[in-house]
Protein backbone atom coordinates (compact mmCIF):
# COMPACT_ATOMS: atom_id res chain seq x y z
CA MET A 1 -2.89 -19.42 -5.91
CA VAL A 2 -0.91 -17.27 -3.77
CA GLN A 3 -1.13 -13.30 -4.08
CA LEU A 4 2.32 -11.45 -3.26
CA GLN A 5 1.60 -8.08 -2.13
CA VAL A 6 3.57 -5.93 -3.39
CA ASN A 7 3.17 -2.72 -1.71
CA ALA A 8 0.92 -1.14 1.36
CA CYS A 9 -1.96 -0.22 -0.35
CA ALA A 10 -3.06 -3.89 -1.34
CA SER A 11 -3.96 -3.58 3.18
CA CYS A 12 -5.45 -0.12 3.05
CA VAL A 13 -8.76 0.88 3.51
CA HIS A 14 -8.56 3.44 1.29
CA ARG A 15 -7.57 1.19 -1.92
CA GLN A 16 -10.29 1.58 -4.62
CA ARG A 17 -9.58 0.28 -8.52
CA SER A 18 -10.76 1.68 -11.65
CA GLY A 19 -10.80 1.16 -15.40
CA PRO A 20 -9.66 -1.87 -17.58
CA ASN A 21 -6.18 -1.90 -16.47
CA ALA A 22 -7.09 -2.10 -12.99
CA THR A 23 -5.38 1.21 -12.08
CA ILE A 24 -4.37 1.79 -8.47
CA PHE A 25 -6.02 5.12 -6.98
CA CYS A 26 -7.49 6.00 -3.55
CA GLU A 27 -8.71 8.20 -1.07
CA ALA A 28 -5.61 10.08 -0.91
CA PHE A 29 -4.78 10.21 -4.81
CA PRO A 30 -8.03 10.21 -6.64
CA ASN A 31 -5.58 10.48 -9.68
CA GLY A 32 -3.46 7.54 -9.28
CA VAL A 33 -0.90 6.43 -6.58
CA PRO A 34 2.33 7.75 -7.09
CA PRO A 35 4.48 5.23 -8.48
CA ASP A 36 7.29 5.10 -5.15
CA ILE A 37 4.44 4.14 -3.26
CA VAL A 38 2.67 1.61 -6.16
CA MET A 39 6.14 -0.02 -6.81
CA GLY A 40 6.40 -0.34 -2.63
CA TYR A 41 9.28 1.96 -1.69
CA ASN A 42 7.60 3.78 0.32
CA PRO A 43 4.77 2.55 2.50
CA HIS A 44 2.26 5.61 3.04
CA THR A 45 2.40 5.92 6.64
CA GLY A 46 2.75 9.58 7.40
CA PRO A 47 2.70 12.74 4.59
CA ALA A 48 2.73 12.67 0.96
CA PRO A 49 2.85 15.18 -1.66
CA GLY A 50 -0.50 15.62 -2.89
CA ASP A 51 -2.40 13.21 0.18
CA GLY A 52 -4.89 15.41 1.50
CA GLY A 53 -3.88 14.10 4.89
CA ILE A 54 -5.00 10.24 4.18
CA HIS A 55 -2.25 8.09 4.86
CA TRP A 56 -2.33 4.27 5.18
CA GLU A 57 -4.94 1.95 7.47
CA LEU A 58 -5.11 -1.60 7.88
CA ARG A 59 -8.01 -2.97 6.34
CA PRO A 60 -9.39 -5.39 8.99
CA ASP A 61 -9.78 -8.31 6.60
CA ARG A 62 -6.13 -8.31 4.82
CA GLU A 63 -4.04 -8.84 8.12
CA LEU A 64 -2.97 -12.02 6.63
CA GLN A 65 -1.67 -10.42 3.73
CA HIS A 66 0.02 -7.58 5.37
CA GLN A 67 1.83 -10.04 7.75
CA GLN A 68 3.32 -11.44 4.59
CA TYR A 69 4.23 -7.68 3.08
CA LEU A 70 6.31 -7.26 6.20
CA ALA A 71 8.27 -10.59 6.01
CA ARG A 72 8.56 -9.96 2.49
CA ARG A 73 10.07 -6.07 3.44
CA ARG A 74 12.57 -7.76 6.15
CA THR A 75 13.91 -10.29 3.69
CA GLU A 76 14.62 -7.98 1.07
CA GLY A 77 16.72 -5.75 3.87
CA LEU A 78 13.57 -2.99 4.09
CA ASP A 79 12.22 -1.51 7.34
CA ALA A 80 9.60 -3.34 8.31
CA GLY A 81 8.97 -1.65 11.83
CA THR A 82 6.13 -0.48 12.14
CA ASN A 83 5.79 0.66 8.14
CA PRO A 84 2.88 -1.27 6.22
């Protein structure tokens, strides 16, 4: 089965999961990642309110998923550039 990465969180070293519904949270957002980041509208490569200065960083074992995510952003007309 192919998994589609829908946001930058899937390839971030800071990502964690908790709870039965697999709510996404991380070191930057210990109470839950904001919707604009979870939905993929904000790749979180720069400051966001409440992130404590922690931003997206690539997990070494997620390079392929990250490249697929960037390709999807380009296909959808979103700025893939250097953003995750």
